Amino acid sequence: MTSAAHTSLAGRMKALVIESRVDAGRAVLVPRGELIHGSADVLAKALAELPDGIGRLELDMTEVRFMDTAGLEFLETLGDYGHLHGIPVMTANWDGQPRRILELVGLDTADPVRPADGGSAPEPPHPPAPSAVAVERAEQLRHLQQEVDQLRQAIASRPVIDQARGILMATHACTSDEAWTILREASQLSNTKLRTVAAAVTASTGTDGPPPPEELRTALRTAVARRWHGAAGDGSGRP
């Protein structure tokens, strides 16, 4: 029995597939792929397909090589299943980047869904009460999601920023670091995102490319002038 997830990042991310087997009331699930957006839904589907009478649930995480904050939702779904059915649930064999994520959020890397009191089986479900631990975990989750989103934006923006730096280096005979400073200062002066500044610089060099907006052109001229005066002041004489 197999369940799978596909995401908008399918070109870069490996879809999650969960294989399952049941033997004498013991269910073993083996996820293969990455714990990203949609993985909790795949787990929920795999759990729903398990037969009645399961007395123990185990997950072998050996084949999971990457996870972002969606992996925490995956664990919550798993823990909720254990509470709902009153059965012990465990995961094992965390390694690599997923293990590092568990460490960052303060979970037990040996078994992040194990009850904190070490009990063998979770209690039947009760309405959850707000707690300081839950609030702290939610805040950790929010910060981690922000970091992942910023990393993805940086990866997506890198090519156009590098192109813009090359254009400024050729146009103003400056170094790579100076070109980066010009882009950054123009971004700050015009209150425009850095990747938007870089895209405007790159587009303006095309045959029919539109010039940057006036506010952005002014910011670029100011940033270039600052680099020029700085270079003159250090005696390098660079234009």
Protein backbone atom coordinates (compact mmCIF):
# COMPACT_ATOMS: atom_id res chain seq x y z
CA MET A 1 0.00 0.00 0.00
CA THR A 2 1.48 3.32 -1.08
CA SER A 3 0.49 7.01 -0.79
CA ALA A 4 2.30 9.87 -2.55
CA ALA A 5 2.47 13.71 -2.49
CA HIS A 6 3.33 16.11 -5.31
CA THR A 7 4.17 19.81 -4.85
CA SER A 8 4.69 22.93 -6.92
CA LEU A 9 8.40 22.40 -6.34
CA ALA A 10 8.33 18.99 -8.03
CA GLY A 11 11.26 19.93 -10.21
CA ARG A 12 13.49 20.29 -7.18
CA MET A 13 11.74 18.26 -4.48
CA LYS A 14 11.19 14.50 -4.41
CA ALA A 15 7.56 13.50 -3.89
CA LEU A 16 6.86 11.70 -0.62
CA VAL A 17 5.81 8.06 -0.90
CA ILE A 18 4.77 6.01 2.13
CA GLU A 19 4.91 2.23 2.03
CA SER A 20 3.13 0.27 4.75
CA ARG A 21 2.94 -3.26 6.03
CA VAL A 22 0.92 -4.82 8.83
CA ASP A 23 1.84 -7.91 10.79
CA ALA A 24 -0.07 -9.23 13.82
CA GLY A 25 -1.46 -5.84 14.80
CA ARG A 26 1.84 -4.01 14.25
CA ALA A 27 1.92 -1.47 11.42
CA VAL A 28 5.21 -0.27 9.95
CA LEU A 29 5.29 2.76 7.64
CA VAL A 30 8.33 3.61 5.53
CA PRO A 31 8.29 7.18 4.11
CA ARG A 32 10.55 7.77 1.11
CA GLY A 33 11.28 11.28 -0.17
CA GLU A 34 11.02 14.68 1.52
CA LEU A 35 8.80 16.04 4.28
CA ILE A 36 7.60 19.22 2.60
CA HIS A 37 4.23 20.89 1.97
CA GLY A 38 1.56 18.20 1.56
CA SER A 39 3.46 15.44 3.38
CA ALA A 40 1.08 15.50 6.37
CA ASP A 41 -1.83 14.89 3.98
CA VAL A 42 0.00 11.90 2.48
CA LEU A 43 0.56 10.51 5.99
CA ALA A 44 -3.09 11.06 6.91
CA LYS A 45 -4.14 9.10 3.81
CA ALA A 46 -1.74 6.25 4.62
CA LEU A 47 -3.00 6.13 8.21
CA ALA A 48 -6.64 6.11 7.06
CA GLU A 49 -5.90 3.06 4.92
CA LEU A 50 -4.58 1.01 7.86
CA PRO A 51 -6.93 -1.79 8.95
CA ASP A 52 -8.77 -1.79 12.28
CA GLY A 53 -7.13 -3.46 15.25
CA ILE A 54 -3.68 -1.91 14.94
CA GLY A 55 -2.01 -2.07 18.35
CA ARG A 56 1.31 -0.42 17.54
CA LEU A 57 2.54 1.97 14.85
CA GLU A 58 6.18 2.42 13.83
CA LEU A 59 7.79 4.67 11.20
CA ASP A 60 11.22 3.96 9.70
CA MET A 61 12.63 7.36 8.64
CA THR A 62 15.80 6.01 7.00
CA GLU A 63 14.74 7.10 3.48
CA VAL A 64 13.74 10.67 4.45
CA ARG A 65 16.62 12.96 3.40
CA PHE A 66 15.10 16.45 3.75
CA MET A 67 12.36 18.22 5.66
CA ASP A 68 11.23 21.77 6.26
CA THR A 69 8.65 22.99 8.77
CA ALA A 70 6.04 20.78 7.09
CA GLY A 71 7.85 17.90 8.78
CA LEU A 72 6.63 19.18 12.15
CA GLU A 73 3.05 19.08 10.88
CA PHE A 74 3.79 15.52 9.72
CA LEU A 75 4.80 14.61 13.29
CA GLU A 76 1.71 16.29 14.74
CA THR A 77 -0.50 14.22 12.41
CA LEU A 78 1.30 11.08 13.55
CA GLY A 79 0.96 11.97 17.23
CA ASP A 80 -2.72 12.80 16.82
CA TYR A 81 -3.32 9.37 15.31
CA GLY A 82 -1.71 7.70 18.33
CA HIS A 83 -3.81 9.74 20.76
CA LEU A 84 -7.01 9.14 18.81
CA HIS A 85 -6.55 5.36 18.73
CA GLY A 86 -4.85 5.01 22.12
CA ILE A 87 -1.85 3.14 20.71
CA PRO A 88 1.92 3.62 21.02
CA VAL A 89 3.50 5.44 18.08
CA MET A 90 7.21 5.72 17.43
CA THR A 91 9.65 6.84 14.76
CA ALA A 92 13.26 5.74 14.31
CA ASN A 93 16.39 6.20 12.18
CA TRP A 94 16.38 9.98 11.78
CA ASP A 95 19.58 11.17 10.12
CA GLY A 96 21.18 14.01 8.15
CA GLN A 97 19.29 17.25 7.58
CA PRO A 98 15.96 16.03 9.10
CA ARG A 99 17.79 15.11 12.31
CA ARG A 100 19.31 18.61 12.39
CA ILE A 101 15.85 20.19 12.10
CA LEU A 102 14.65 18.12 15.06
CA GLU A 103 17.64 19.32 17.08
CA LEU A 104 16.94 22.96 16.16
CA VAL A 105 13.36 22.80 17.44
CA GLY A 106 14.31 20.85 20.57
CA LEU A 107 12.74 17.48 19.76
CA ASP A 108 14.11 14.08 20.78
CA THR A 109 16.07 12.90 17.73
CA ALA A 110 15.73 9.27 18.82
CA ASP A 111 11.94 9.45 18.71
CA PRO A 112 10.32 12.92 18.42
CA VAL A 113 6.76 11.63 18.99
CA ARG A 114 7.56 9.65 22.15
CA PRO A 115 5.52 10.88 25.15
CA ALA A 116 7.53 13.23 27.34
CA ASP A 117 6.88 11.06 30.45
CA GLY A 118 8.30 8.00 28.71
CA GLY A 119 4.96 6.18 28.80
CA SER A 120 4.39 3.31 26.39
CA ALA A 121 0.99 4.42 25.13
CA PRO A 122 -0.68 7.80 24.83
CA GLU A 123 -3.82 8.63 26.76
CA PRO A 124 -7.17 8.85 24.93
CA PRO A 125 -7.77 12.29 23.44
CA HIS A 126 -8.98 15.20 25.57
CA PRO A 127 -9.62 18.80 24.56
CA PRO A 128 -6.12 20.36 24.52
CA ALA A 129 -5.49 23.24 26.88
CA PRO A 130 -3.21 26.12 25.86
CA SER A 131 0.24 25.81 27.41
CA ALA A 132 3.50 27.74 27.46
CA VAL A 133 5.17 24.81 25.69
CA ALA A 134 2.61 24.89 22.87
CA VAL A 135 3.00 28.63 22.45
CA GLU A 136 6.79 28.35 22.38
CA ARG A 137 6.65 25.51 19.84
CA ALA A 138 4.33 27.55 17.61
CA GLU A 139 6.76 30.49 17.76
CA GLN A 140 9.68 28.20 16.87
CA LEU A 141 7.68 26.84 13.96
CA ARG A 142 6.92 30.36 12.70
CA HIS A 143 10.57 31.44 12.84
CA LEU A 144 11.73 28.26 11.11
CA GLN A 145 9.16 28.74 8.34
CA GLN A 146 10.39 32.31 7.85
CA GLU A 147 13.97 31.06 7.52
CA VAL A 148 12.95 28.43 4.96
CA ASP A 149 10.95 30.99 2.95
CA GLN A 150 13.85 33.46 2.99
CA LEU A 151 16.26 30.75 1.85
CA ARG A 152 14.00 29.79 -1.05
CA GLN A 153 13.65 33.45 -2.09
CA ALA A 154 17.42 33.89 -1.93
CA ILE A 155 17.99 30.82 -4.10
CA ALA A 156 15.43 32.02 -6.65
CA SER A 157 16.87 35.57 -6.70
CA ARG A 158 20.55 34.62 -6.96
CA PRO A 159 20.84 34.35 -10.78
CA VAL A 160 19.34 37.78 -11.57
CA ILE A 161 21.38 39.43 -8.79
CA ASP A 162 24.58 37.91 -10.17
CA GLN A 163 23.68 39.14 -13.66
CA ALA A 164 23.05 42.66 -12.36
CA ARG A 165 26.39 42.67 -10.55
CA GLY A 166 28.15 41.67 -13.76
CA ILE A 167 26.42 44.48 -15.67
CA LEU A 168 27.42 47.08 -13.07
CA MET A 169 31.01 45.77 -13.02
CA ALA A 170 31.26 46.16 -16.81
CA THR A 171 29.48 49.52 -16.89
CA HIS A 172 31.28 51.21 -14.00
CA ALA A 173 34.58 49.30 -13.92
CA CYS A 174 34.00 48.29 -10.33
CA THR A 175 34.66 45.13 -8.36
CA SER A 176 32.09 42.46 -7.56
CA ASP A 177 31.88 43.66 -3.95
CA GLU A 178 31.38 47.28 -5.09
CA ALA A 179 28.64 46.19 -7.51
CA TRP A 180 26.91 44.38 -4.65
CA THR A 181 27.13 47.54 -2.50
CA ILE A 182 25.62 49.63 -5.31
CA LEU A 183 22.66 47.24 -5.63
CA ARG A 184 22.13 47.14 -1.88
CA GLU A 185 22.29 50.93 -1.45
CA ALA A 186 19.98 51.50 -4.42
CA SER A 187 17.54 49.09 -2.83
CA GLN A 188 17.65 51.00 0.45
CA LEU A 189 17.46 54.46 -1.13
CA SER A 190 14.47 53.58 -3.30
CA ASN A 191 12.80 51.32 -0.72
CA THR A 192 12.74 48.56 -3.34
CA LYS A 193 13.47 44.87 -2.86
CA LEU A 194 17.00 43.93 -3.87
CA ARG A 195 15.89 41.33 -6.42
CA THR A 196 13.55 43.93 -7.99
CA VAL A 197 16.47 46.37 -8.37
CA ALA A 198 18.60 43.62 -9.92
CA ALA A 199 15.82 42.62 -12.32
CA ALA A 200 15.38 46.24 -13.45
CA VAL A 201 19.12 46.64 -14.08
CA THR A 202 19.24 43.39 -16.05
CA ALA A 203 16.10 44.15 -18.10
CA SER A 204 17.34 47.63 -19.04
CA THR A 205 20.34 46.18 -20.91
CA GLY A 206 18.19 44.30 -23.40
CA THR A 207 17.63 45.54 -26.95
CA ASP A 208 14.13 46.78 -26.18
CA GLY A 209 14.49 46.68 -22.42
CA PRO A 210 12.62 49.32 -20.44
CA PRO A 211 14.73 51.70 -18.32
CA PRO A 212 14.35 51.42 -14.55
CA PRO A 213 11.73 53.69 -12.98
CA GLU A 214 12.93 57.24 -12.31
CA GLU A 215 13.09 56.75 -8.55
CA LEU A 216 15.23 53.67 -9.02
CA ARG A 217 17.48 55.39 -11.61
CA THR A 218 18.08 58.21 -9.13
CA ALA A 219 18.93 55.72 -6.39
CA LEU A 220 21.35 53.88 -8.69
CA ARG A 221 23.08 57.13 -9.71
CA THR A 222 23.44 58.10 -6.04
CA ALA A 223 24.83 54.69 -5.10
CA VAL A 224 27.31 54.75 -8.01
CA ALA A 225 28.40 58.29 -7.08
CA ARG A 226 29.06 57.19 -3.51
CA ARG A 227 31.26 54.35 -4.78
CA TRP A 228 33.06 56.77 -7.10
CA HIS A 229 33.77 59.30 -4.35
CA GLY A 230 34.82 56.50 -2.03
CA ALA A 231 37.26 55.16 -4.61
CA ALA A 232 38.67 58.65 -5.22
CA GLY A 233 39.12 59.13 -1.53
CA ASP A 234 41.18 55.94 -1.11
CA GLY A 235 43.49 56.92 -3.97
CA SER A 236 42.53 54.05 -6.30
CA GLY A 237 41.19 56.43 -8.93
CA ARG A 238 38.51 53.97 -10.05
CA PRO A 239 35.62 55.65 -11.88
